[in-house]
Amino acid sequence: MDYVNLGTSSLKVSRLSIGALCMGDPGWRPYVLPEEGSRAVFKRALEHGFNLIDTADNYSRWVPGHHGGESETIIGKWLKQRGARNKVVIATKVGMEMGPDKKGLSKAYILREAEESLKRLQTDYIDLYQSHTDDAETPPQETLEAYAQLTKQGKVRAIGASNFSAERLAQSFRVSDAHTYPRYESLQPHYNLYERSEYETKLEPLCREKGIGVITYFSLARGFLTGKYRSEADLSKSPRGGGVKGHLNQRGMRILDALDKVAKQLSSTPARVALAWLIARPSVTAPIASATSVEQLDDLAGAVSLELDAASIGLLNQASA
């Protein structure tokens, strides 16, 4: 397994990140794993050499009866039981709504919620603490001041941003420079073979200019790029099917056709090829992939060693243009 620095930070991460969005007890729907299944996936991830685990304070708040923090809690229990804290890079997030008056990026809220995440994760530091979404009501200076305090206390090693526009990200860099606050060392954008334009037009040039790491989410377009959904009849295969209905168009079919061709040439799978395309992008550090079984993780793991030649990348680029 190859490991690379995340931005200019000291964090060394694997080229594929394990997403913990679906880790939550009880498994009330197919893509929310019960605790036992979550532990099995984490164990296999370590065996493959993956060390970056991405979660958030609000996972899995959408499950009836959940309040957020369930994913962090499962990770914390697993790390303590296995004594594996020094083998993983924990990336969690703050900012999404956790309840009435519990959201945003104010200094007071970040400091309070960081303590809650540390308790759930059963650790005394967070490797990568990310602003989950921009907070237009809070000045970047206040947000970054909170992160400066947390890093000075040794509770956070590096910070990142998610769902930020290029303009707000650039503004945050200027504030960090002006006040010698820690800067965002990573960006977590929605980016994959189907969703390209927003990231590539504005965010990617800024990320390359500033030398920050990129951790893509929805890397497989909610499963569409695995080839699982090819018609409206297929949407019932998973609760997530409705989320890809908009992809069932001429362009989407063109992308799946290109993935099928490349996968056949390389004796691989569309999912591996889609992730390998992201890994081959010079600006991308570690795509996030969520697995709901050990078998699924084994398949996705093959993307790291899958090398796409220029012709294959060109075919995928053209199909998804």
Protein backbone atom coordinates (compact mmCIF):
# COMPACT_ATOMS: atom_id res chain seq x y z
CA MET A 1 0.00 0.00 0.00
CA ASP A 2 1.26 3.45 -0.89
CA TYR A 3 0.83 6.27 1.61
CA VAL A 4 0.96 9.96 0.78
CA ASN A 5 0.93 13.16 2.80
CA LEU A 6 -2.41 14.87 3.14
CA GLY A 7 -1.73 18.38 1.88
CA THR A 8 1.28 19.81 3.68
CA SER A 9 0.34 18.13 6.95
CA SER A 10 2.27 15.31 8.60
CA LEU A 11 -0.65 12.92 8.10
CA LYS A 12 0.21 10.01 5.82
CA VAL A 13 -2.87 8.37 4.35
CA SER A 14 -3.67 5.43 2.12
CA ARG A 15 -4.83 6.10 -1.44
CA LEU A 16 -8.36 4.95 -0.58
CA SER A 17 -10.39 6.12 2.40
CA ILE A 18 -12.97 3.96 4.14
CA GLY A 19 -16.24 5.86 4.56
CA ALA A 20 -18.14 5.27 7.80
CA LEU A 21 -21.39 6.90 6.70
CA CYS A 22 -23.11 3.52 6.73
CA MET A 23 -21.76 2.43 10.11
CA GLY A 24 -24.56 2.58 12.63
CA ASP A 25 -26.42 0.23 14.96
CA PRO A 26 -29.01 -1.13 14.34
CA GLY A 27 -28.86 -1.98 10.63
CA TRP A 28 -32.38 -0.82 9.87
CA ARG A 29 -31.77 -0.60 6.15
CA PRO A 30 -29.31 -2.43 3.89
CA TYR A 31 -26.70 0.30 3.72
CA VAL A 32 -26.59 0.98 7.47
CA LEU A 33 -24.45 -1.71 9.02
CA PRO A 34 -25.00 -3.10 12.50
CA GLU A 35 -22.03 -2.83 14.84
CA GLU A 36 -20.74 -6.36 14.23
CA GLY A 37 -20.67 -5.86 10.46
CA SER A 38 -18.96 -2.50 10.87
CA ARG A 39 -16.16 -4.04 12.92
CA ALA A 40 -15.62 -6.74 10.28
CA VAL A 41 -15.27 -4.12 7.53
CA PHE A 42 -12.83 -2.05 9.61
CA LYS A 43 -10.75 -5.16 10.36
CA ARG A 44 -10.50 -6.07 6.70
CA ALA A 45 -9.65 -2.47 5.79
CA LEU A 46 -6.60 -2.63 8.06
CA GLU A 47 -5.61 -5.94 6.49
CA HIS A 48 -5.65 -4.25 3.09
CA GLY A 49 -3.51 -1.40 4.46
CA PHE A 50 -6.17 1.31 4.43
CA ASN A 51 -5.65 3.69 7.33
CA LEU A 52 -7.96 6.66 6.63
CA ILE A 53 -11.44 6.35 8.15
CA ASP A 54 -13.89 9.15 7.37
CA THR A 55 -16.87 9.80 9.62
CA ALA A 56 -18.83 12.74 11.08
CA ASP A 57 -20.57 13.71 14.28
CA ASN A 58 -24.02 13.49 12.66
CA TYR A 59 -23.66 9.92 11.29
CA SER A 60 -26.23 8.21 11.51
CA ARG A 61 -28.74 10.82 12.73
CA TRP A 62 -31.14 10.05 9.86
CA VAL A 63 -31.98 6.62 11.33
CA PRO A 64 -35.20 6.67 13.41
CA GLY A 65 -34.26 6.78 17.08
CA HIS A 66 -30.69 7.93 16.42
CA HIS A 67 -29.32 11.29 17.50
CA GLY A 68 -25.97 11.38 15.69
CA GLY A 69 -22.64 10.09 16.94
CA GLU A 70 -23.46 6.43 16.33
CA SER A 71 -20.72 6.00 13.71
CA GLU A 72 -18.08 7.67 15.91
CA THR A 73 -19.15 5.51 18.85
CA ILE A 74 -18.72 2.28 16.88
CA ILE A 75 -15.30 3.39 15.66
CA GLY A 76 -14.26 4.33 19.19
CA LYS A 77 -15.28 0.95 20.61
CA TRP A 78 -13.51 -0.91 17.83
CA LEU A 79 -10.30 1.07 18.20
CA LYS A 80 -10.21 0.50 21.95
CA GLN A 81 -10.92 -3.23 21.67
CA ARG A 82 -8.22 -3.74 19.03
CA GLY A 83 -5.72 -1.22 20.40
CA ALA A 84 -5.48 0.12 16.86
CA ARG A 85 -5.53 3.86 17.45
CA ASN A 86 -1.98 4.41 16.15
CA LYS A 87 -2.75 2.46 12.98
CA VAL A 88 -5.52 4.70 11.69
CA VAL A 89 -6.07 8.30 10.67
CA ILE A 90 -9.43 9.37 12.01
CA ALA A 91 -11.20 12.06 9.98
CA THR A 92 -14.41 13.40 11.45
CA LYS A 93 -16.53 16.48 10.85
CA VAL A 94 -18.49 19.19 12.60
CA GLY A 95 -21.14 21.64 11.44
CA MET A 96 -24.13 19.67 10.19
CA GLU A 97 -27.27 19.86 12.31
CA MET A 98 -27.24 17.64 15.38
CA GLY A 99 -30.41 19.06 16.91
CA PRO A 100 -32.01 22.38 17.85
CA ASP A 101 -29.28 25.03 18.09
CA LYS A 102 -26.65 22.36 17.44
CA LYS A 103 -25.03 23.14 14.11
CA GLY A 104 -22.69 25.59 12.40
CA LEU A 105 -19.07 26.63 12.72
CA SER A 106 -19.07 29.12 15.59
CA LYS A 107 -16.09 28.90 17.92
CA ALA A 108 -18.18 27.92 20.92
CA TYR A 109 -19.97 25.16 19.05
CA ILE A 110 -16.82 23.70 17.50
CA LEU A 111 -15.02 23.57 20.85
CA ARG A 112 -18.02 21.94 22.50
CA GLU A 113 -18.68 19.42 19.74
CA ALA A 114 -15.00 18.47 19.47
CA GLU A 115 -15.13 17.28 23.07
CA GLU A 116 -18.21 15.18 22.28
CA SER A 117 -16.50 13.59 19.28
CA LEU A 118 -13.39 12.83 21.33
CA LYS A 119 -15.52 11.06 23.94
CA ARG A 120 -17.36 8.99 21.35
CA LEU A 121 -14.14 8.08 19.56
CA GLN A 122 -12.49 7.24 22.90
CA THR A 123 -9.34 9.13 21.94
CA ASP A 124 -7.56 12.28 23.05
CA TYR A 125 -6.94 13.62 19.55
CA ILE A 126 -8.61 13.82 16.14
CA ASP A 127 -6.25 13.43 13.19
CA LEU A 128 -8.32 15.43 10.71
CA TYR A 129 -11.15 17.67 11.90
CA GLN A 130 -13.28 18.96 9.05
CA SER A 131 -15.84 21.72 8.62
CA HIS A 132 -18.69 19.58 7.30
CA THR A 133 -20.37 22.40 5.41
CA ASP A 134 -19.89 26.14 5.12
CA ASP A 135 -21.58 28.39 7.68
CA ALA A 136 -22.41 31.69 6.03
CA GLU A 137 -23.38 33.25 9.37
CA THR A 138 -19.98 32.68 10.99
CA PRO A 139 -16.88 34.58 9.82
CA PRO A 140 -14.02 32.27 8.80
CA GLN A 141 -11.81 34.01 11.36
CA GLU A 142 -13.98 32.75 14.22
CA THR A 143 -14.04 29.22 12.86
CA LEU A 144 -10.29 29.09 12.31
CA GLU A 145 -9.66 30.59 15.74
CA ALA A 146 -11.45 27.60 17.24
CA TYR A 147 -9.33 25.19 15.22
CA ALA A 148 -6.18 27.07 16.24
CA GLN A 149 -7.10 26.52 19.89
CA LEU A 150 -7.78 22.83 19.36
CA THR A 151 -4.50 22.25 17.52
CA LYS A 152 -2.56 24.16 20.16
CA GLN A 153 -4.11 21.92 22.81
CA GLY A 154 -3.08 18.83 20.84
CA LYS A 155 -6.69 17.74 20.33
CA VAL A 156 -6.58 18.13 16.53
CA ARG A 157 -3.63 17.39 14.23
CA ALA A 158 -4.92 18.94 10.99
CA ILE A 159 -8.10 20.54 9.67
CA GLY A 160 -10.08 20.19 6.47
CA ALA A 161 -13.13 21.58 4.71
CA SER A 162 -16.08 19.87 3.06
CA ASN A 163 -18.75 21.26 0.75
CA PHE A 164 -17.02 24.65 0.48
CA SER A 165 -17.17 26.85 -2.59
CA ALA A 166 -13.88 27.95 -4.13
CA GLU A 167 -14.56 31.50 -3.00
CA ARG A 168 -15.08 30.60 0.66
CA LEU A 169 -12.14 28.22 0.65
CA ALA A 170 -9.88 30.93 -0.76
CA GLN A 171 -11.18 33.38 1.84
CA SER A 172 -10.31 30.91 4.59
CA PHE A 173 -6.77 30.59 3.25
CA ARG A 174 -6.37 34.37 3.38
CA VAL A 175 -7.59 34.46 6.98
CA SER A 176 -5.22 31.66 7.98
CA ASP A 177 -2.29 33.52 6.43
CA ALA A 178 -3.22 36.85 8.00
CA HIS A 179 -3.63 35.46 11.53
CA THR A 180 -1.17 32.54 11.42
CA TYR A 181 -4.02 30.12 12.07
CA PRO A 182 -3.83 26.55 10.82
CA ARG A 183 -5.06 26.28 7.25
CA TYR A 184 -7.38 23.74 5.72
CA GLU A 185 -5.11 20.91 4.58
CA SER A 186 -7.83 19.03 2.72
CA LEU A 187 -11.05 19.47 0.83
CA GLN A 188 -13.84 16.91 0.68
CA PRO A 189 -15.84 17.62 -2.49
CA HIS A 190 -18.63 15.74 -4.28
CA TYR A 191 -16.64 14.40 -7.22
CA ASN A 192 -16.77 11.35 -9.43
CA LEU A 193 -17.00 10.37 -13.11
CA TYR A 194 -20.57 11.66 -13.27
CA GLU A 195 -20.16 14.81 -11.15
CA ARG A 196 -17.16 16.61 -12.63
CA SER A 197 -17.85 20.22 -13.58
CA GLU A 198 -18.14 21.97 -10.21
CA TYR A 199 -14.92 20.52 -8.83
CA GLU A 200 -12.83 20.70 -11.99
CA THR A 201 -13.70 24.27 -12.99
CA LYS A 202 -13.03 26.16 -9.75
CA LEU A 203 -12.07 23.95 -6.83
CA GLU A 204 -9.40 21.79 -8.45
CA PRO A 205 -7.22 24.72 -9.63
CA LEU A 206 -7.31 26.19 -6.11
CA CYS A 207 -6.48 22.86 -4.47
CA ARG A 208 -3.50 22.37 -6.77
CA GLU A 209 -2.31 25.93 -6.27
CA LYS A 210 -2.43 25.59 -2.48
CA GLY A 211 -1.19 22.00 -2.41
CA ILE A 212 -4.05 20.68 -0.30
CA GLY A 213 -5.28 17.10 -0.23
CA VAL A 214 -8.57 16.08 -1.80
CA ILE A 215 -10.79 13.37 -0.33
CA THR A 216 -13.74 12.84 -2.65
CA TYR A 217 -17.15 11.74 -1.39
CA PHE A 218 -19.86 9.92 -3.36
CA SER A 219 -16.89 8.58 -5.30
CA LEU A 220 -19.11 5.92 -6.88
CA ALA A 221 -22.09 8.26 -7.36
CA ARG A 222 -24.19 6.50 -4.70
CA GLY A 223 -23.46 3.16 -6.36
CA PHE A 224 -24.39 4.19 -9.90
CA LEU A 225 -20.82 3.76 -11.16
CA THR A 226 -20.75 0.14 -10.01
CA GLY A 227 -23.17 -0.63 -12.83
CA LYS A 228 -25.84 -1.77 -10.40
CA TYR A 229 -28.45 0.63 -11.75
CA ARG A 230 -29.05 0.56 -15.51
CA SER A 231 -32.81 1.07 -15.68
CA GLU A 232 -35.61 2.42 -13.51
CA ALA A 233 -36.49 -1.18 -12.63
CA ASP A 234 -33.06 -1.47 -10.96
CA LEU A 235 -33.71 1.43 -8.59
CA SER A 236 -35.61 -0.86 -6.21
CA LYS A 237 -32.45 -2.89 -5.59
CA SER A 238 -31.42 -0.54 -2.79
CA PRO A 239 -32.88 2.27 -0.65
CA ARG A 240 -30.27 4.46 -2.33
CA GLY A 241 -31.68 3.72 -5.77
CA GLY A 242 -33.86 6.81 -5.81
CA GLY A 243 -30.77 8.96 -5.44
CA VAL A 244 -29.38 7.88 -8.81
CA LYS A 245 -32.57 8.16 -10.87
CA GLY A 246 -31.27 11.37 -12.41
CA HIS A 247 -28.21 9.53 -13.72
CA LEU A 248 -30.29 7.26 -15.94
CA ASN A 249 -29.84 9.38 -19.02
CA GLN A 250 -27.82 9.27 -22.23
CA ARG A 251 -24.68 10.57 -20.57
CA GLY A 252 -24.99 8.17 -17.65
CA MET A 253 -25.36 5.20 -19.99
CA ARG A 254 -22.35 6.41 -21.98
CA ILE A 255 -20.28 6.47 -18.78
CA LEU A 256 -21.38 2.96 -17.78
CA ASP A 257 -20.56 1.69 -21.27
CA ALA A 258 -17.04 3.14 -21.01
CA LEU A 259 -16.58 1.64 -17.54
CA ASP A 260 -17.70 -1.76 -18.85
CA LYS A 261 -15.22 -1.58 -21.74
CA VAL A 262 -12.26 -0.62 -19.56
CA ALA A 263 -13.19 -3.17 -16.89
CA LYS A 264 -13.36 -5.93 -19.51
CA GLN A 265 -9.99 -4.96 -20.98
CA LEU A 266 -8.38 -5.03 -17.52
CA SER A 267 -10.30 -8.05 -16.17
CA SER A 268 -11.63 -5.78 -13.46
CA THR A 269 -14.97 -4.31 -12.35
CA PRO A 270 -16.67 -0.96 -13.09
CA ALA A 271 -16.41 0.04 -9.41
CA ARG A 272 -12.65 -0.52 -9.34
CA VAL A 273 -12.19 1.35 -12.61
CA ALA A 274 -14.26 4.33 -11.39
CA LEU A 275 -12.15 4.59 -8.23
CA ALA A 276 -8.91 4.07 -10.15
CA TRP A 277 -9.89 6.98 -12.42
CA LEU A 278 -10.17 9.20 -9.33
CA ILE A 279 -6.88 7.95 -7.87
CA ALA A 280 -5.15 8.69 -11.17
CA ARG A 281 -6.31 12.32 -11.03
CA PRO A 282 -3.23 14.31 -9.90
CA SER A 283 -5.23 16.49 -7.51
CA VAL A 284 -7.00 13.61 -5.73
CA THR A 285 -5.42 12.14 -2.61
CA ALA A 286 -7.86 9.48 -1.42
CA PRO A 287 -11.37 8.82 -2.71
CA ILE A 288 -13.84 7.77 -0.04
CA ALA A 289 -15.56 4.43 -0.62
CA SER A 290 -18.15 2.91 1.67
CA ALA A 291 -18.51 -0.86 1.90
CA THR A 292 -21.39 -2.70 3.51
CA SER A 293 -19.64 -6.08 3.55
CA VAL A 294 -16.16 -7.55 3.63
CA GLU A 295 -16.70 -8.95 0.13
CA GLN A 296 -17.59 -5.52 -1.21
CA LEU A 297 -14.52 -4.00 0.42
CA ASP A 298 -12.31 -6.68 -1.14
CA ASP A 299 -13.60 -5.67 -4.56
CA LEU A 300 -13.08 -1.95 -3.99
CA ALA A 301 -9.59 -2.53 -2.61
CA GLY A 302 -8.46 -3.68 -6.03
CA ALA A 303 -8.77 -0.10 -7.30
CA VAL A 304 -5.55 0.94 -5.56
CA SER A 305 -3.38 -1.40 -7.61
CA LEU A 306 -5.32 -0.92 -10.84
CA GLU A 307 -3.30 1.24 -13.22
CA LEU A 308 -5.24 2.88 -16.03
CA ASP A 309 -3.33 3.65 -19.22
CA ALA A 310 -3.75 6.90 -21.12
CA ALA A 311 -6.19 5.34 -23.58
CA SER A 312 -8.48 4.11 -20.81
CA ILE A 313 -8.42 7.45 -19.02
CA GLY A 314 -9.10 9.21 -22.30
CA LEU A 315 -12.10 6.98 -23.00
CA LEU A 316 -13.55 7.64 -19.53
CA ASN A 317 -12.89 11.38 -19.80
CA GLN A 318 -14.61 11.56 -23.17
CA ALA A 319 -17.62 9.53 -22.06
CA SER A 320 -18.13 11.66 -18.96
CA ALA A 321 -17.29 15.05 -20.50
